[in-house]
Amino acid sequence: MSVLEIDAVVFDVLGTLVDEPAGLRAGIRELDPSLDAPRTERLLSVWQQHIDREQRRILDGGRPYLAGDALDREAARLVADAAGVDDPAAVAALALSGRRLPPWPDTVAGLARLAERFPLIGLSNASRTALLGLNAHAGLRWHHALSAEDARTYKPDPAVYQLAVTVSGRPPERLLMVAAHAWDLRGAQRLGLRTAYVTRPVGDPPTSSDRFDLYADDLADLADQLDTI
């Protein structure tokens, strides 16, 4: 692997910088405070499986493009139905829970440190509106934040990563894509971006065949490694 020469750092957001399951669990508990932990987890799976399935259908051409906000509303309706809740206001509140996701403990300080050296670009499957809300809620620092909505598709479609390449004005190999999801990094590699895997409890870990440029325990570790190049 050639020496890393990085002009900007591109970050996945959901799961990498914020604890998405924790925020969704909180929304589900607000929907029905009587839910116990196992039932909450089952409802969380209903949400996650719907989002994953429908994004894949869109990527595969089995469904016309639909923005993340609309998919969230569908997921919220499914969860509410499974929980036996039919209050429209409660369902609407649940649909917005993806905008209230807590950052990981190292996220805010890590971004601030990296921002001293590199332009930072957020690149998320969240909608533009949802991304604005969760950035504000979690205190994320960016020089630019991009939504897959701008490409009318979802990662790992190369068109999403191209958004960061276009905005940065730099060739793909001068950008470092950071994510806790190996599938996301594979998508970035296909367009020629360099890659860094950050370990998170909710991420998609690499397989033995993955070859990423950097592997980090958290953002502090990532910053330490980038300081050496």
C-alpha atoms as a PDB file:
ATOM      1  CA  MET A   1       0.000   0.000   0.000  1.00  0.00           C
ATOM      2  CA  SER A   2       1.388   3.419  -0.943  1.00  0.00           C
ATOM      3  CA  VAL A   3       2.096   6.090   1.657  1.00  0.00           C
ATOM      4  CA  LEU A   4      -1.002   7.999   2.724  1.00  0.00           C
ATOM      5  CA  GLU A   5      -1.193  11.571   1.446  1.00  0.00           C
ATOM      6  CA  ILE A   6      -4.471  12.985   2.693  1.00  0.00           C
ATOM      7  CA  ASP A   7      -6.023  16.364   1.888  1.00  0.00           C
ATOM      8  CA  ALA A   8      -9.413  15.863   3.594  1.00  0.00           C
ATOM      9  CA  VAL A   9     -11.151  13.365   5.864  1.00  0.00           C
ATOM     10  CA  VAL A  10     -14.634  12.076   5.069  1.00  0.00           C
ATOM     11  CA  PHE A  11     -16.704  10.612   7.902  1.00  0.00           C
ATOM     12  CA  ASP A  12     -19.646   8.294   7.965  1.00  0.00           C
ATOM     13  CA  VAL A  13     -22.016   9.526  10.658  1.00  0.00           C
ATOM     14  CA  LEU A  14     -24.582   6.901  11.705  1.00  0.00           C
ATOM     15  CA  GLY A  15     -22.879   4.344  13.923  1.00  0.00           C
ATOM     16  CA  THR A  16     -19.431   5.827  13.370  1.00  0.00           C
ATOM     17  CA  LEU A  17     -19.861   9.152  15.175  1.00  0.00           C
ATOM     18  CA  VAL A  18     -23.234   8.703  16.866  1.00  0.00           C
ATOM     19  CA  ASP A  19     -24.821   5.740  18.640  1.00  0.00           C
ATOM     20  CA  GLU A  20     -27.803   5.218  16.362  1.00  0.00           C
ATOM     21  CA  PRO A  21     -29.336   2.226  18.215  1.00  0.00           C
ATOM     22  CA  ALA A  22     -29.250   4.108  21.530  1.00  0.00           C
ATOM     23  CA  GLY A  23     -31.155   7.045  20.050  1.00  0.00           C
ATOM     24  CA  LEU A  24     -33.747   4.793  18.422  1.00  0.00           C
ATOM     25  CA  ARG A  25     -34.210   2.830  21.644  1.00  0.00           C
ATOM     26  CA  ALA A  26     -34.914   6.084  23.461  1.00  0.00           C
ATOM     27  CA  GLY A  27     -37.528   6.971  20.846  1.00  0.00           C
ATOM     28  CA  ILE A  28     -39.168   3.556  21.164  1.00  0.00           C
ATOM     29  CA  ARG A  29     -39.328   3.865  24.950  1.00  0.00           C
ATOM     30  CA  GLU A  30     -40.975   7.261  24.590  1.00  0.00           C
ATOM     31  CA  LEU A  31     -43.525   5.658  22.276  1.00  0.00           C
ATOM     32  CA  ASP A  32     -44.454   3.151  25.012  1.00  0.00           C
ATOM     33  CA  PRO A  33     -42.741   3.583  28.410  1.00  0.00           C
ATOM     34  CA  SER A  34     -44.115   0.213  29.566  1.00  0.00           C
ATOM     35  CA  LEU A  35     -41.892  -1.732  27.146  1.00  0.00           C
ATOM     36  CA  ASP A  36     -39.299  -3.985  28.756  1.00  0.00           C
ATOM     37  CA  ALA A  37     -35.773  -4.350  27.366  1.00  0.00           C
ATOM     38  CA  PRO A  38     -36.346  -7.502  25.238  1.00  0.00           C
ATOM     39  CA  ARG A  39     -39.462  -6.020  23.643  1.00  0.00           C
ATOM     40  CA  THR A  40     -37.624  -2.760  22.964  1.00  0.00           C
ATOM     41  CA  GLU A  41     -34.846  -4.680  21.239  1.00  0.00           C
ATOM     42  CA  ARG A  42     -37.329  -6.558  19.061  1.00  0.00           C
ATOM     43  CA  LEU A  43     -38.937  -3.289  18.001  1.00  0.00           C
ATOM     44  CA  LEU A  44     -35.518  -1.796  17.315  1.00  0.00           C
ATOM     45  CA  SER A  45     -34.871  -4.741  14.990  1.00  0.00           C
ATOM     46  CA  VAL A  46     -38.147  -4.037  13.184  1.00  0.00           C
ATOM     47  CA  TRP A  47     -36.937  -0.490  12.498  1.00  0.00           C
ATOM     48  CA  GLN A  48     -33.408  -1.466  11.466  1.00  0.00           C
ATOM     49  CA  GLN A  49     -34.501  -4.325   9.223  1.00  0.00           C
ATOM     50  CA  HIS A  50     -37.006  -2.132   7.420  1.00  0.00           C
ATOM     51  CA  ILE A  51     -34.469   0.618   6.723  1.00  0.00           C
ATOM     52  CA  ASP A  52     -31.831  -1.854   5.578  1.00  0.00           C
ATOM     53  CA  ARG A  53     -34.248  -3.783   3.369  1.00  0.00           C
ATOM     54  CA  GLU A  54     -35.763  -0.728   1.703  1.00  0.00           C
ATOM     55  CA  GLN A  55     -32.429   0.958   1.057  1.00  0.00           C
ATOM     56  CA  ARG A  56     -31.248  -2.260  -0.579  1.00  0.00           C
ATOM     57  CA  ARG A  57     -34.394  -2.393  -2.696  1.00  0.00           C
ATOM     58  CA  ILE A  58     -33.732   1.149  -3.874  1.00  0.00           C
ATOM     59  CA  LEU A  59     -30.101   0.317  -4.640  1.00  0.00           C
ATOM     60  CA  ASP A  60     -31.152  -2.801  -6.541  1.00  0.00           C
ATOM     61  CA  GLY A  61     -33.765  -0.902  -8.561  1.00  0.00           C
ATOM     62  CA  GLY A  62     -36.659  -2.719  -6.935  1.00  0.00           C
ATOM     63  CA  ARG A  63     -38.155   0.497  -5.592  1.00  0.00           C
ATOM     64  CA  PRO A  64     -38.032   4.117  -6.769  1.00  0.00           C
ATOM     65  CA  TYR A  65     -35.805   6.414  -4.732  1.00  0.00           C
ATOM     66  CA  LEU A  66     -37.316   7.571  -1.456  1.00  0.00           C
ATOM     67  CA  ALA A  67     -35.560   9.958   0.937  1.00  0.00           C
ATOM     68  CA  GLY A  68     -34.518   8.827   4.384  1.00  0.00           C
ATOM     69  CA  ASP A  69     -37.202  10.875   6.132  1.00  0.00           C
ATOM     70  CA  ALA A  70     -39.904   8.912   4.314  1.00  0.00           C
ATOM     71  CA  LEU A  71     -38.264   5.591   5.153  1.00  0.00           C
ATOM     72  CA  ASP A  72     -38.077   6.658   8.801  1.00  0.00           C
ATOM     73  CA  ARG A  73     -41.793   7.407   8.786  1.00  0.00           C
ATOM     74  CA  GLU A  74     -42.471   3.957   7.361  1.00  0.00           C
ATOM     75  CA  ALA A  75     -40.268   2.352  10.016  1.00  0.00           C
ATOM     76  CA  ALA A  76     -41.954   4.329  12.787  1.00  0.00           C
ATOM     77  CA  ARG A  77     -45.377   3.206  11.590  1.00  0.00           C
ATOM     78  CA  LEU A  78     -44.270  -0.446  11.558  1.00  0.00           C
ATOM     79  CA  VAL A  79     -42.826  -0.167  15.070  1.00  0.00           C
ATOM     80  CA  ALA A  80     -45.932   1.587  16.380  1.00  0.00           C
ATOM     81  CA  ASP A  81     -48.188  -1.061  14.838  1.00  0.00           C
ATOM     82  CA  ALA A  82     -46.093  -3.822  16.411  1.00  0.00           C
ATOM     83  CA  ALA A  83     -46.273  -2.030  19.773  1.00  0.00           C
ATOM     84  CA  GLY A  84     -50.023  -1.505  19.488  1.00  0.00           C
ATOM     85  CA  VAL A  85     -49.733   2.292  19.512  1.00  0.00           C
ATOM     86  CA  ASP A  86     -52.040   4.276  17.223  1.00  0.00           C
ATOM     87  CA  ASP A  87     -51.448   7.851  18.436  1.00  0.00           C
ATOM     88  CA  PRO A  88     -50.381   9.828  15.309  1.00  0.00           C
ATOM     89  CA  ALA A  89     -48.439  12.364  17.366  1.00  0.00           C
ATOM     90  CA  ALA A  90     -46.468   9.623  19.103  1.00  0.00           C
ATOM     91  CA  VAL A  91     -45.683   7.951  15.782  1.00  0.00           C
ATOM     92  CA  ALA A  92     -44.558  11.263  14.293  1.00  0.00           C
ATOM     93  CA  ALA A  93     -42.262  11.838  17.278  1.00  0.00           C
ATOM     94  CA  LEU A  94     -40.779   8.364  16.876  1.00  0.00           C
ATOM     95  CA  ALA A  95     -40.080   9.047  13.196  1.00  0.00           C
ATOM     96  CA  LEU A  96     -37.871  11.972  14.267  1.00  0.00           C
ATOM     97  CA  SER A  97     -35.861   9.984  16.827  1.00  0.00           C
ATOM     98  CA  GLY A  98     -33.079   9.522  14.270  1.00  0.00           C
ATOM     99  CA  ARG A  99     -32.298  13.219  14.701  1.00  0.00           C
ATOM    100  CA  ARG A 100     -31.604  12.805  18.422  1.00  0.00           C
ATOM    101  CA  LEU A 101     -28.676  10.400  18.464  1.00  0.00           C
ATOM    102  CA  PRO A 102     -25.976  10.641  21.149  1.00  0.00           C
ATOM    103  CA  PRO A 103     -22.333  10.963  20.084  1.00  0.00           C
ATOM    104  CA  TRP A 104     -19.790   8.368  21.166  1.00  0.00           C
ATOM    105  CA  PRO A 105     -17.654   9.632  24.092  1.00  0.00           C
ATOM    106  CA  ASP A 106     -14.629  10.362  21.875  1.00  0.00           C
ATOM    107  CA  THR A 107     -16.496  11.882  18.922  1.00  0.00           C
ATOM    108  CA  VAL A 108     -16.662  15.599  19.689  1.00  0.00           C
ATOM    109  CA  ALA A 109     -13.086  15.921  20.938  1.00  0.00           C
ATOM    110  CA  GLY A 110     -11.814  13.695  18.131  1.00  0.00           C
ATOM    111  CA  LEU A 111     -13.460  15.765  15.408  1.00  0.00           C
ATOM    112  CA  ALA A 112     -12.168  18.980  16.956  1.00  0.00           C
ATOM    113  CA  ARG A 113      -8.627  17.617  16.986  1.00  0.00           C
ATOM    114  CA  LEU A 114      -8.779  16.356  13.399  1.00  0.00           C
ATOM    115  CA  ALA A 115     -10.352  19.623  12.225  1.00  0.00           C
ATOM    116  CA  GLU A 116      -7.194  21.454  13.264  1.00  0.00           C
ATOM    117  CA  ARG A 117      -5.313  19.657  10.513  1.00  0.00           C
ATOM    118  CA  PHE A 118      -7.812  18.513   7.865  1.00  0.00           C
ATOM    119  CA  PRO A 119     -11.010  19.730   6.238  1.00  0.00           C
ATOM    120  CA  LEU A 120     -13.736  17.424   7.574  1.00  0.00           C
ATOM    121  CA  ILE A 121     -16.648  16.244   5.431  1.00  0.00           C
ATOM    122  CA  GLY A 122     -19.623  14.360   6.836  1.00  0.00           C
ATOM    123  CA  LEU A 123     -21.159  11.874   4.395  1.00  0.00           C
ATOM    124  CA  SER A 124     -24.350  10.211   5.566  1.00  0.00           C
ATOM    125  CA  ASN A 125     -27.287   8.159   4.356  1.00  0.00           C
ATOM    126  CA  ALA A 126     -29.415  10.377   6.604  1.00  0.00           C
ATOM    127  CA  SER A 127     -31.539  12.967   4.819  1.00  0.00           C
ATOM    128  CA  ARG A 128     -30.400  16.586   4.625  1.00  0.00           C
ATOM    129  CA  THR A 129     -32.912  17.636   7.258  1.00  0.00           C
ATOM    130  CA  ALA A 130     -32.142  14.712   9.560  1.00  0.00           C
ATOM    131  CA  LEU A 131     -28.410  15.320   9.186  1.00  0.00           C
ATOM    132  CA  LEU A 132     -28.820  18.942  10.204  1.00  0.00           C
ATOM    133  CA  GLY A 133     -30.758  17.926  13.295  1.00  0.00           C
ATOM    134  CA  LEU A 134     -28.459  15.168  14.435  1.00  0.00           C
ATOM    135  CA  ASN A 135     -25.347  17.278  13.812  1.00  0.00           C
ATOM    136  CA  ALA A 136     -26.771  19.968  16.073  1.00  0.00           C
ATOM    137  CA  HIS A 137     -27.986  17.500  18.710  1.00  0.00           C
ATOM    138  CA  ALA A 138     -24.687  15.608  18.906  1.00  0.00           C
ATOM    139  CA  GLY A 139     -22.469  18.695  18.580  1.00  0.00           C
ATOM    140  CA  LEU A 140     -20.655  17.419  15.486  1.00  0.00           C
ATOM    141  CA  ARG A 141     -18.112  19.756  13.907  1.00  0.00           C
ATOM    142  CA  TRP A 142     -17.843  19.821  10.134  1.00  0.00           C
ATOM    143  CA  HIS A 143     -16.463  21.977   7.410  1.00  0.00           C
ATOM    144  CA  HIS A 144     -19.116  20.460   5.149  1.00  0.00           C
ATOM    145  CA  ALA A 145     -21.864  17.860   5.655  1.00  0.00           C
ATOM    146  CA  LEU A 146     -23.295  15.907   2.734  1.00  0.00           C
ATOM    147  CA  SER A 147     -26.391  13.740   2.539  1.00  0.00           C
ATOM    148  CA  ALA A 148     -26.874  10.797   0.189  1.00  0.00           C
ATOM    149  CA  GLU A 149     -30.154  12.553  -0.616  1.00  0.00           C
ATOM    150  CA  ASP A 150     -28.116  14.846  -2.871  1.00  0.00           C
ATOM    151  CA  ALA A 151     -27.303  11.823  -5.052  1.00  0.00           C
ATOM    152  CA  ARG A 152     -30.820  10.354  -4.764  1.00  0.00           C
ATOM    153  CA  THR A 153     -29.415   7.009  -3.719  1.00  0.00           C
ATOM    154  CA  TYR A 154     -27.693   5.434  -0.717  1.00  0.00           C
ATOM    155  CA  LYS A 155     -24.242   4.256   0.205  1.00  0.00           C
ATOM    156  CA  PRO A 156     -22.530   2.129  -0.959  1.00  0.00           C
ATOM    157  CA  ASP A 157     -23.553   3.495  -4.367  1.00  0.00           C
ATOM    158  CA  PRO A 158     -20.429   5.200  -5.794  1.00  0.00           C
ATOM    159  CA  ALA A 159     -22.504   8.293  -6.576  1.00  0.00           C
ATOM    160  CA  VAL A 160     -22.672   9.076  -2.855  1.00  0.00           C
ATOM    161  CA  TYR A 161     -18.896   9.009  -2.373  1.00  0.00           C
ATOM    162  CA  GLN A 162     -18.548  11.103  -5.521  1.00  0.00           C
ATOM    163  CA  LEU A 163     -20.335  13.898  -3.648  1.00  0.00           C
ATOM    164  CA  ALA A 164     -17.354  14.201  -1.298  1.00  0.00           C
ATOM    165  CA  VAL A 165     -14.870  14.034  -4.166  1.00  0.00           C
ATOM    166  CA  THR A 166     -16.704  16.810  -6.000  1.00  0.00           C
ATOM    167  CA  VAL A 167     -17.033  19.078  -2.964  1.00  0.00           C
ATOM    168  CA  SER A 168     -13.400  18.624  -1.933  1.00  0.00           C
ATOM    169  CA  GLY A 169     -12.062  19.325  -5.419  1.00  0.00           C
ATOM    170  CA  ARG A 170      -9.426  16.678  -4.802  1.00  0.00           C
ATOM    171  CA  PRO A 171      -8.839  13.282  -6.439  1.00  0.00           C
ATOM    172  CA  PRO A 172     -10.373  10.303  -4.595  1.00  0.00           C
ATOM    173  CA  GLU A 173      -7.004   8.944  -3.486  1.00  0.00           C
ATOM    174  CA  ARG A 174      -6.397  12.158  -1.508  1.00  0.00           C
ATOM    175  CA  LEU A 175      -9.514  11.616   0.605  1.00  0.00           C
ATOM    176  CA  LEU A 176      -9.685   9.349   3.652  1.00  0.00           C
ATOM    177  CA  MET A 177     -13.070   7.729   4.286  1.00  0.00           C
ATOM    178  CA  VAL A 178     -13.611   6.877   7.960  1.00  0.00           C
ATOM    179  CA  ALA A 179     -16.342   4.481   9.029  1.00  0.00           C
ATOM    180  CA  ALA A 180     -17.248   1.781  11.542  1.00  0.00           C
ATOM    181  CA  HIS A 181     -18.845  -0.226   8.724  1.00  0.00           C
ATOM    182  CA  ALA A 182     -16.689  -2.376   6.484  1.00  0.00           C
ATOM    183  CA  TRP A 183     -19.369  -2.325   3.762  1.00  0.00           C
ATOM    184  CA  ASP A 184     -19.151   1.479   3.696  1.00  0.00           C
ATOM    185  CA  LEU A 185     -15.382   1.435   3.344  1.00  0.00           C
ATOM    186  CA  ARG A 186     -15.570  -1.136   0.548  1.00  0.00           C
ATOM    187  CA  GLY A 187     -17.908   1.205  -1.301  1.00  0.00           C
ATOM    188  CA  ALA A 188     -15.453   4.080  -0.873  1.00  0.00           C
ATOM    189  CA  GLN A 189     -12.577   1.902  -2.067  1.00  0.00           C
ATOM    190  CA  ARG A 190     -14.422   1.159  -5.297  1.00  0.00           C
ATOM    191  CA  LEU A 191     -14.246   4.866  -6.131  1.00  0.00           C
ATOM    192  CA  GLY A 192     -10.591   5.068  -5.128  1.00  0.00           C
ATOM    193  CA  LEU A 193     -10.821   6.712  -1.679  1.00  0.00           C
ATOM    194  CA  ARG A 194      -8.382   5.715   1.043  1.00  0.00           C
ATOM    195  CA  THR A 195     -10.013   4.065   4.043  1.00  0.00           C
ATOM    196  CA  ALA A 196      -9.868   3.959   7.835  1.00  0.00           C
ATOM    197  CA  TYR A 197     -11.889   1.536   9.968  1.00  0.00           C
ATOM    198  CA  VAL A 198     -12.851   2.738  13.455  1.00  0.00           C
ATOM    199  CA  THR A 199     -14.090   0.162  15.950  1.00  0.00           C
ATOM    200  CA  ARG A 200     -17.580   0.747  17.353  1.00  0.00           C
ATOM    201  CA  PRO A 201     -19.902  -1.638  19.241  1.00  0.00           C
ATOM    202  CA  VAL A 202     -22.596  -1.279  16.569  1.00  0.00           C
ATOM    203  CA  GLY A 203     -20.415  -1.330  13.462  1.00  0.00           C
ATOM    204  CA  ASP A 204     -19.837  -3.860  10.702  1.00  0.00           C
ATOM    205  CA  PRO A 205     -16.373  -5.308  11.404  1.00  0.00           C
ATOM    206  CA  PRO A 206     -13.913  -6.108   8.632  1.00  0.00           C
ATOM    207  CA  THR A 207     -13.504  -9.610   7.280  1.00  0.00           C
ATOM    208  CA  SER A 208     -10.170 -11.349   6.825  1.00  0.00           C
ATOM    209  CA  SER A 209     -10.181 -10.321   3.164  1.00  0.00           C
ATOM    210  CA  ASP A 210     -10.603  -6.584   3.817  1.00  0.00           C
ATOM    211  CA  ARG A 211      -7.555  -4.382   3.388  1.00  0.00           C
ATOM    212  CA  PHE A 212      -8.086  -0.885   4.731  1.00  0.00           C
ATOM    213  CA  ASP A 213      -5.364   1.738   5.059  1.00  0.00           C
ATOM    214  CA  LEU A 214      -5.845   2.374   8.768  1.00  0.00           C
ATOM    215  CA  TYR A 215      -7.474   0.563  11.682  1.00  0.00           C
ATOM    216  CA  ALA A 216      -8.234   2.616  14.795  1.00  0.00           C
ATOM    217  CA  ASP A 217      -9.747   1.944  18.206  1.00  0.00           C
ATOM    218  CA  ASP A 218     -11.393   5.392  18.312  1.00  0.00           C
ATOM    219  CA  LEU A 219     -10.959   8.900  16.926  1.00  0.00           C
ATOM    220  CA  ALA A 220      -8.097   9.714  19.276  1.00  0.00           C
ATOM    221  CA  ASP A 221      -6.230   6.676  17.974  1.00  0.00           C
ATOM    222  CA  LEU A 222      -7.039   7.716  14.403  1.00  0.00           C
ATOM    223  CA  ALA A 223      -5.709  11.221  15.030  1.00  0.00           C
ATOM    224  CA  ASP A 224      -2.532   9.773  16.567  1.00  0.00           C
ATOM    225  CA  GLN A 225      -1.960   7.630  13.487  1.00  0.00           C
ATOM    226  CA  LEU A 226      -2.601  10.521  11.093  1.00  0.00           C
ATOM    227  CA  ASP A 227      -0.133  12.652  13.054  1.00  0.00           C
ATOM    228  CA  THR A 228       2.606  10.244  12.003  1.00  0.00           C
ATOM    229  CA  ILE A 229       2.077  10.606   8.255  1.00  0.00           C
END
